Amino acid sequence: MANKYTDEDVLQLSYEIIQLIEQNISCFNDDETENVITSNESIAFHVENDNIDRAYIEALNLKEYLIKLKNNKFK
């Protein structure tokens, strides 16, 4: 079955994720940092196994998680 998303879609989300991490890393506690690392490993696993759709979903979830962390830290 063909992937709905492309490598470029995942790369774009990855770029956005990197920006969010760079802007907010000093605010993350150890558990939050571990969650980010685990999510990143999951994304990499799916990319390596050519499951781009799953990688995209994982990346989107990570981006949403990072936005939530950022918003909660600056309330």
PDB file of N, CA and C in Angstrom:
ATOM      1  N   MET A   1       0.840  -1.178   0.000  1.00  0.00           N
ATOM      2  CA  MET A   1       0.000   0.000   0.000  1.00  0.00           C
ATOM      3  C   MET A   1       0.886   1.243   0.000  1.00  0.00           C
ATOM      4  N   ALA A   2       0.532   2.209  -0.792  1.00  0.00           N
ATOM      5  CA  ALA A   2       1.304   3.453  -0.900  1.00  0.00           C
ATOM      6  C   ALA A   2       1.102   4.309   0.347  1.00  0.00           C
ATOM      7  N   ASN A   3       2.137   5.026   0.698  1.00  0.00           N
ATOM      8  CA  ASN A   3       2.053   5.928   1.846  1.00  0.00           C
ATOM      9  C   ASN A   3       1.252   7.171   1.484  1.00  0.00           C
ATOM     10  N   LYS A   4       0.472   7.637   2.438  1.00  0.00           N
ATOM     11  CA  LYS A   4      -0.300   8.869   2.260  1.00  0.00           C
ATOM     12  C   LYS A   4       0.617  10.090   2.357  1.00  0.00           C
ATOM     13  N   TYR A   5       1.637   9.981   3.205  1.00  0.00           N
ATOM     14  CA  TYR A   5       2.569  11.079   3.426  1.00  0.00           C
ATOM     15  C   TYR A   5       3.907  10.757   2.765  1.00  0.00           C
ATOM     16  N   THR A   6       4.715  11.786   2.566  1.00  0.00           N
ATOM     17  CA  THR A   6       6.017  11.606   1.923  1.00  0.00           C
ATOM     18  C   THR A   6       7.139  11.852   2.921  1.00  0.00           C
ATOM     19  N   ASP A   7       8.348  11.489   2.495  1.00  0.00           N
ATOM     20  CA  ASP A   7       9.532  11.784   3.308  1.00  0.00           C
ATOM     21  C   ASP A   7       9.624  13.278   3.586  1.00  0.00           C
ATOM     22  N   GLU A   8       9.264  14.085   2.590  1.00  0.00           N
ATOM     23  CA  GLU A   8       9.331  15.538   2.740  1.00  0.00           C
ATOM     24  C   GLU A   8       8.371  16.036   3.818  1.00  0.00           C
ATOM     25  N   ASP A   9       7.193  15.399   3.915  1.00  0.00           N
ATOM     26  CA  ASP A   9       6.247  15.763   4.969  1.00  0.00           C
ATOM     27  C   ASP A   9       6.862  15.526   6.350  1.00  0.00           C
ATOM     28  N   VAL A  10       7.505  14.367   6.500  1.00  0.00           N
ATOM     29  CA  VAL A  10       8.138  14.037   7.772  1.00  0.00           C
ATOM     30  C   VAL A  10       9.305  14.987   8.042  1.00  0.00           C
ATOM     31  N   LEU A  11      10.074  15.296   7.017  1.00  0.00           N
ATOM     32  CA  LEU A  11      11.197  16.229   7.187  1.00  0.00           C
ATOM     33  C   LEU A  11      10.722  17.615   7.616  1.00  0.00           C
ATOM     34  N   GLN A  12       9.627  18.088   7.037  1.00  0.00           N
ATOM     35  CA  GLN A  12       9.087  19.393   7.412  1.00  0.00           C
ATOM     36  C   GLN A  12       8.659  19.398   8.878  1.00  0.00           C
ATOM     37  N   LEU A  13       7.967  18.362   9.286  1.00  0.00           N
ATOM     38  CA  LEU A  13       7.566  18.270  10.694  1.00  0.00           C
ATOM     39  C   LEU A  13       8.785  18.168  11.600  1.00  0.00           C
ATOM     40  N   SER A  14       9.789  17.421  11.164  1.00  0.00           N
ATOM     41  CA  SER A  14      11.015  17.284  11.956  1.00  0.00           C
ATOM     42  C   SER A  14      11.689  18.636  12.155  1.00  0.00           C
ATOM     43  N   TYR A  15      11.701  19.441  11.111  1.00  0.00           N
ATOM     44  CA  TYR A  15      12.268  20.783  11.207  1.00  0.00           C
ATOM     45  C   TYR A  15      11.497  21.616  12.233  1.00  0.00           C
ATOM     46  N   GLU A  16      10.179  21.543  12.189  1.00  0.00           N
ATOM     47  CA  GLU A  16       9.348  22.284  13.143  1.00  0.00           C
ATOM     48  C   GLU A  16       9.579  21.783  14.563  1.00  0.00           C
ATOM     49  N   ILE A  17       9.757  20.471  14.714  1.00  0.00           N
ATOM     50  CA  ILE A  17      10.022  19.879  16.024  1.00  0.00           C
ATOM     51  C   ILE A  17      11.359  20.373  16.566  1.00  0.00           C
ATOM     52  N   ILE A  18      12.368  20.391  15.719  1.00  0.00           N
ATOM     53  CA  ILE A  18      13.694  20.875  16.139  1.00  0.00           C
ATOM     54  C   ILE A  18      13.604  22.312  16.626  1.00  0.00           C
ATOM     55  N   GLN A  19      12.863  23.138  15.903  1.00  0.00           N
ATOM     56  CA  GLN A  19      12.710  24.535  16.327  1.00  0.00           C
ATOM     57  C   GLN A  19      12.040  24.622  17.693  1.00  0.00           C
ATOM     58  N   LEU A  20      10.991  23.844  17.901  1.00  0.00           N
ATOM     59  CA  LEU A  20      10.298  23.859  19.188  1.00  0.00           C
ATOM     60  C   LEU A  20      11.219  23.401  20.316  1.00  0.00           C
ATOM     61  N   ILE A  21      12.016  22.366  20.047  1.00  0.00           N
ATOM     62  CA  ILE A  21      12.941  21.876  21.064  1.00  0.00           C
ATOM     63  C   ILE A  21      13.997  22.939  21.373  1.00  0.00           C
ATOM     64  N   GLU A  22      14.577  23.527  20.339  1.00  0.00           N
ATOM     65  CA  GLU A  22      15.604  24.553  20.552  1.00  0.00           C
ATOM     66  C   GLU A  22      15.077  25.735  21.356  1.00  0.00           C
ATOM     67  N   GLN A  23      13.850  26.114  21.111  1.00  0.00           N
ATOM     68  CA  GLN A  23      13.275  27.278  21.776  1.00  0.00           C
ATOM     69  C   GLN A  23      12.887  27.003  23.228  1.00  0.00           C
ATOM     70  N   ASN A  24      12.671  25.725  23.575  1.00  0.00           N
ATOM     71  CA  ASN A  24      12.078  25.429  24.877  1.00  0.00           C
ATOM     72  C   ASN A  24      12.816  24.391  25.704  1.00  0.00           C
ATOM     73  N   ILE A  25      13.943  23.901  25.249  1.00  0.00           N
ATOM     74  CA  ILE A  25      14.598  22.776  25.929  1.00  0.00           C
ATOM     75  C   ILE A  25      14.945  23.087  27.381  1.00  0.00           C
ATOM     76  N   SER A  26      15.268  24.296  27.672  1.00  0.00           N
ATOM     77  CA  SER A  26      15.642  24.639  29.052  1.00  0.00           C
ATOM     78  C   SER A  26      14.461  24.531  30.010  1.00  0.00           C
ATOM     79  N   CYS A  27      13.254  24.470  29.481  1.00  0.00           N
ATOM     80  CA  CYS A  27      12.058  24.389  30.311  1.00  0.00           C
ATOM     81  C   CYS A  27      11.602  22.949  30.570  1.00  0.00           C
ATOM     82  N   PHE A  28      12.190  21.978  29.868  1.00  0.00           N
ATOM     83  CA  PHE A  28      11.741  20.587  29.998  1.00  0.00           C
ATOM     84  C   PHE A  28      12.335  19.946  31.246  1.00  0.00           C
ATOM     85  N   ASN A  29      11.507  19.175  31.944  1.00  0.00           N
ATOM     86  CA  ASN A  29      12.041  18.387  33.049  1.00  0.00           C
ATOM     87  C   ASN A  29      12.541  17.049  32.494  1.00  0.00           C
ATOM     88  N   ASP A  30      13.087  16.213  33.360  1.00  0.00           N
ATOM     89  CA  ASP A  30      13.683  14.953  32.906  1.00  0.00           C
ATOM     90  C   ASP A  30      12.670  14.035  32.226  1.00  0.00           C
ATOM     91  N   ASP A  31      11.475  13.924  32.779  1.00  0.00           N
ATOM     92  CA  ASP A  31      10.447  13.064  32.181  1.00  0.00           C
ATOM     93  C   ASP A  31      10.035  13.564  30.806  1.00  0.00           C
ATOM     94  N   GLU A  32       9.875  14.856  30.679  1.00  0.00           N
ATOM     95  CA  GLU A  32       9.494  15.438  29.390  1.00  0.00           C
ATOM     96  C   GLU A  32      10.598  15.221  28.348  1.00  0.00           C
ATOM     97  N   THR A  33      11.834  15.387  28.778  1.00  0.00           N
ATOM     98  CA  THR A  33      12.955  15.158  27.873  1.00  0.00           C
ATOM     99  C   THR A  33      12.984  13.702  27.423  1.00  0.00           C
ATOM    100  N   GLU A  34      12.764  12.788  28.350  1.00  0.00           N
ATOM    101  CA  GLU A  34      12.741  11.359  28.012  1.00  0.00           C
ATOM    102  C   GLU A  34      11.610  11.042  27.034  1.00  0.00           C
ATOM    103  N   ASN A  35      10.461  11.661  27.212  1.00  0.00           N
ATOM    104  CA  ASN A  35       9.339  11.458  26.286  1.00  0.00           C
ATOM    105  C   ASN A  35       9.692  11.934  24.879  1.00  0.00           C
ATOM    106  N   VAL A  36      10.382  13.062  24.784  1.00  0.00           N
ATOM    107  CA  VAL A  36      10.796  13.593  23.486  1.00  0.00           C
ATOM    108  C   VAL A  36      11.789  12.635  22.820  1.00  0.00           C
ATOM    109  N   ILE A  37      12.751  12.142  23.587  1.00  0.00           N
ATOM    110  CA  ILE A  37      13.749  11.214  23.049  1.00  0.00           C
ATOM    111  C   ILE A  37      13.085   9.928  22.568  1.00  0.00           C
ATOM    112  N   THR A  38      12.176   9.390  23.362  1.00  0.00           N
ATOM    113  CA  THR A  38      11.476   8.162  22.989  1.00  0.00           C
ATOM    114  C   THR A  38      10.654   8.365  21.725  1.00  0.00           C
ATOM    115  N   SER A  39       9.957   9.473  21.634  1.00  0.00           N
ATOM    116  CA  SER A  39       9.157   9.763  20.438  1.00  0.00           C
ATOM    117  C   SER A  39      10.054   9.892  19.216  1.00  0.00           C
ATOM    118  N   ASN A  40      11.192  10.535  19.373  1.00  0.00           N
ATOM    119  CA  ASN A  40      12.121  10.685  18.264  1.00  0.00           C
ATOM    120  C   ASN A  40      12.647   9.331  17.795  1.00  0.00           C
ATOM    121  N   GLU A  41      12.942   8.449  18.734  1.00  0.00           N
ATOM    122  CA  GLU A  41      13.401   7.103  18.380  1.00  0.00           C
ATOM    123  C   GLU A  41      12.317   6.340  17.620  1.00  0.00           C
ATOM    124  N   SER A  42      11.081   6.524  18.022  1.00  0.00           N
ATOM    125  CA  SER A  42       9.971   5.874  17.341  1.00  0.00           C
ATOM    126  C   SER A  42       9.825   6.385  15.905  1.00  0.00           C
ATOM    127  N   ILE A  43       9.956   7.685  15.731  1.00  0.00           N
ATOM    128  CA  ILE A  43       9.891   8.281  14.388  1.00  0.00           C
ATOM    129  C   ILE A  43      11.002   7.694  13.517  1.00  0.00           C
ATOM    130  N   ALA A  44      12.209   7.657  14.045  1.00  0.00           N
ATOM    131  CA  ALA A  44      13.349   7.122  13.293  1.00  0.00           C
ATOM    132  C   ALA A  44      13.124   5.665  12.918  1.00  0.00           C
ATOM    133  N   PHE A  45      12.593   4.881  13.835  1.00  0.00           N
ATOM    134  CA  PHE A  45      12.310   3.475  13.568  1.00  0.00           C
ATOM    135  C   PHE A  45      11.353   3.328  12.391  1.00  0.00           C
ATOM    136  N   HIS A  46      10.289   4.106  12.401  1.00  0.00           N
ATOM    137  CA  HIS A  46       9.297   4.000  11.330  1.00  0.00           C
ATOM    138  C   HIS A  46       9.850   4.477   9.988  1.00  0.00           C
ATOM    139  N   VAL A  47      10.683   5.505  10.005  1.00  0.00           N
ATOM    140  CA  VAL A  47      11.309   5.972   8.763  1.00  0.00           C
ATOM    141  C   VAL A  47      12.226   4.886   8.207  1.00  0.00           C
ATOM    142  N   GLU A  48      13.038   4.301   9.089  1.00  0.00           N
ATOM    143  CA  GLU A  48      13.968   3.253   8.659  1.00  0.00           C
ATOM    144  C   GLU A  48      13.246   2.047   8.065  1.00  0.00           C
ATOM    145  N   ASN A  49      12.025   1.806   8.519  1.00  0.00           N
ATOM    146  CA  ASN A  49      11.245   0.664   8.048  1.00  0.00           C
ATOM    147  C   ASN A  49      10.239   1.052   6.964  1.00  0.00           C
ATOM    148  N   ASP A  50      10.450   2.213   6.360  1.00  0.00           N
ATOM    149  CA  ASP A  50       9.612   2.706   5.264  1.00  0.00           C
ATOM    150  C   ASP A  50       8.125   2.798   5.616  1.00  0.00           C
ATOM    151  N   ASN A  51       7.848   3.028   6.879  1.00  0.00           N
ATOM    152  CA  ASN A  51       6.466   3.248   7.293  1.00  0.00           C
ATOM    153  C   ASN A  51       6.296   4.753   7.513  1.00  0.00           C
ATOM    154  N   ILE A  52       6.297   5.475   6.400  1.00  0.00           N
ATOM    155  CA  ILE A  52       6.292   6.935   6.430  1.00  0.00           C
ATOM    156  C   ILE A  52       5.009   7.477   7.056  1.00  0.00           C
ATOM    157  N   ASP A  53       3.892   6.838   6.796  1.00  0.00           N
ATOM    158  CA  ASP A  53       2.637   7.319   7.389  1.00  0.00           C
ATOM    159  C   ASP A  53       2.705   7.273   8.914  1.00  0.00           C
ATOM    160  N   ARG A  54       3.218   6.169   9.450  1.00  0.00           N
ATOM    161  CA  ARG A  54       3.321   6.049  10.903  1.00  0.00           C
ATOM    162  C   ARG A  54       4.337   7.048  11.454  1.00  0.00           C
ATOM    163  N   ALA A  55       5.439   7.254  10.724  1.00  0.00           N
ATOM    164  CA  ALA A  55       6.437   8.241  11.136  1.00  0.00           C
ATOM    165  C   ALA A  55       5.824   9.633  11.176  1.00  0.00           C
ATOM    166  N   TYR A  56       5.013   9.943  10.177  1.00  0.00           N
ATOM    167  CA  TYR A  56       4.368  11.258  10.125  1.00  0.00           C
ATOM    168  C   TYR A  56       3.429  11.436  11.316  1.00  0.00           C
ATOM    169  N   ILE A  57       2.649  10.426  11.619  1.00  0.00           N
ATOM    170  CA  ILE A  57       1.711  10.502  12.751  1.00  0.00           C
ATOM    171  C   ILE A  57       2.478  10.675  14.057  1.00  0.00           C
ATOM    172  N   GLU A  58       3.560   9.917  14.224  1.00  0.00           N
ATOM    173  CA  GLU A  58       4.393  10.050  15.430  1.00  0.00           C
ATOM    174  C   GLU A  58       4.989  11.455  15.521  1.00  0.00           C
ATOM    175  N   ALA A  59       5.457  11.978  14.390  1.00  0.00           N
ATOM    176  CA  ALA A  59       6.041  13.324  14.377  1.00  0.00           C
ATOM    177  C   ALA A  59       4.984  14.372  14.705  1.00  0.00           C
ATOM    178  N   LEU A  60       3.800  14.204  14.158  1.00  0.00           N
ATOM    179  CA  LEU A  60       2.708  15.139  14.450  1.00  0.00           C
ATOM    180  C   LEU A  60       2.348  15.094  15.935  1.00  0.00           C
ATOM    181  N   ASN A  61       2.301  13.905  16.498  1.00  0.00           N
ATOM    182  CA  ASN A  61       2.027  13.767  17.933  1.00  0.00           C
ATOM    183  C   ASN A  61       3.110  14.440  18.768  1.00  0.00           C
ATOM    184  N   LEU A  62       4.370  14.280  18.363  1.00  0.00           N
ATOM    185  CA  LEU A  62       5.463  14.906  19.095  1.00  0.00           C
ATOM    186  C   LEU A  62       5.374  16.425  18.997  1.00  0.00           C
ATOM    187  N   LYS A  63       5.081  16.934  17.821  1.00  0.00           N
ATOM    188  CA  LYS A  63       4.939  18.383  17.662  1.00  0.00           C
ATOM    189  C   LYS A  63       3.826  18.911  18.568  1.00  0.00           C
ATOM    190  N   GLU A  64       2.698  18.224  18.595  1.00  0.00           N
ATOM    191  CA  GLU A  64       1.580  18.647  19.451  1.00  0.00           C
ATOM    192  C   GLU A  64       1.970  18.590  20.928  1.00  0.00           C
ATOM    193  N   TYR A  65       2.709  17.558  21.308  1.00  0.00           N
ATOM    194  CA  TYR A  65       3.182  17.427  22.689  1.00  0.00           C
ATOM    195  C   TYR A  65       4.094  18.596  23.056  1.00  0.00           C
ATOM    196  N   LEU A  66       5.010  18.942  22.160  1.00  0.00           N
ATOM    197  CA  LEU A  66       5.930  20.052  22.415  1.00  0.00           C
ATOM    198  C   LEU A  66       5.189  21.387  22.515  1.00  0.00           C
ATOM    199  N   ILE A  67       4.197  21.582  21.681  1.00  0.00           N
ATOM    200  CA  ILE A  67       3.394  22.811  21.752  1.00  0.00           C
ATOM    201  C   ILE A  67       2.648  22.869  23.080  1.00  0.00           C
ATOM    202  N   LYS A  68       2.114  21.722  23.514  1.00  0.00           N
ATOM    203  CA  LYS A  68       1.399  21.665  24.789  1.00  0.00           C
ATOM    204  C   LYS A  68       2.354  21.993  25.939  1.00  0.00           C
ATOM    205  N   LEU A  69       3.555  21.407  25.902  1.00  0.00           N
ATOM    206  CA  LEU A  69       4.542  21.708  26.953  1.00  0.00           C
ATOM    207  C   LEU A  69       4.878  23.191  26.973  1.00  0.00           C
ATOM    208  N   LYS A  70       5.115  23.737  25.793  1.00  0.00           N
ATOM    209  CA  LYS A  70       5.455  25.163  25.684  1.00  0.00           C
ATOM    210  C   LYS A  70       4.336  26.031  26.249  1.00  0.00           C
ATOM    211  N   ASN A  71       3.109  25.737  25.880  1.00  0.00           N
ATOM    212  CA  ASN A  71       1.969  26.538  26.338  1.00  0.00           C
ATOM    213  C   ASN A  71       1.778  26.409  27.844  1.00  0.00           C
ATOM    214  N   ASN A  72       1.998  25.228  28.385  1.00  0.00           N
ATOM    215  CA  ASN A  72       1.850  25.030  29.835  1.00  0.00           C
ATOM    216  C   ASN A  72       2.942  25.730  30.628  1.00  0.00           C
ATOM    217  N   LYS A  73       4.131  25.841  30.057  1.00  0.00           N
ATOM    218  CA  LYS A  73       5.253  26.485  30.755  1.00  0.00           C
ATOM    219  C   LYS A  73       5.096  28.007  30.784  1.00  0.00           C
ATOM    220  N   PHE A  74       4.392  28.553  29.798  1.00  0.00           N
ATOM    221  CA  PHE A  74       4.296  30.011  29.684  1.00  0.00           C
ATOM    222  C   PHE A  74       2.927  30.548  30.049  1.00  0.00           C
ATOM    223  N   LYS A  75       2.191  29.796  30.842  1.00  0.00           N
ATOM    224  CA  LYS A  75       0.875  30.284  31.304  1.00  0.00           C
ATOM    225  C   LYS A  75       1.044  31.229  32.452  1.00  0.00           C
TER     226      LYS A  75
END
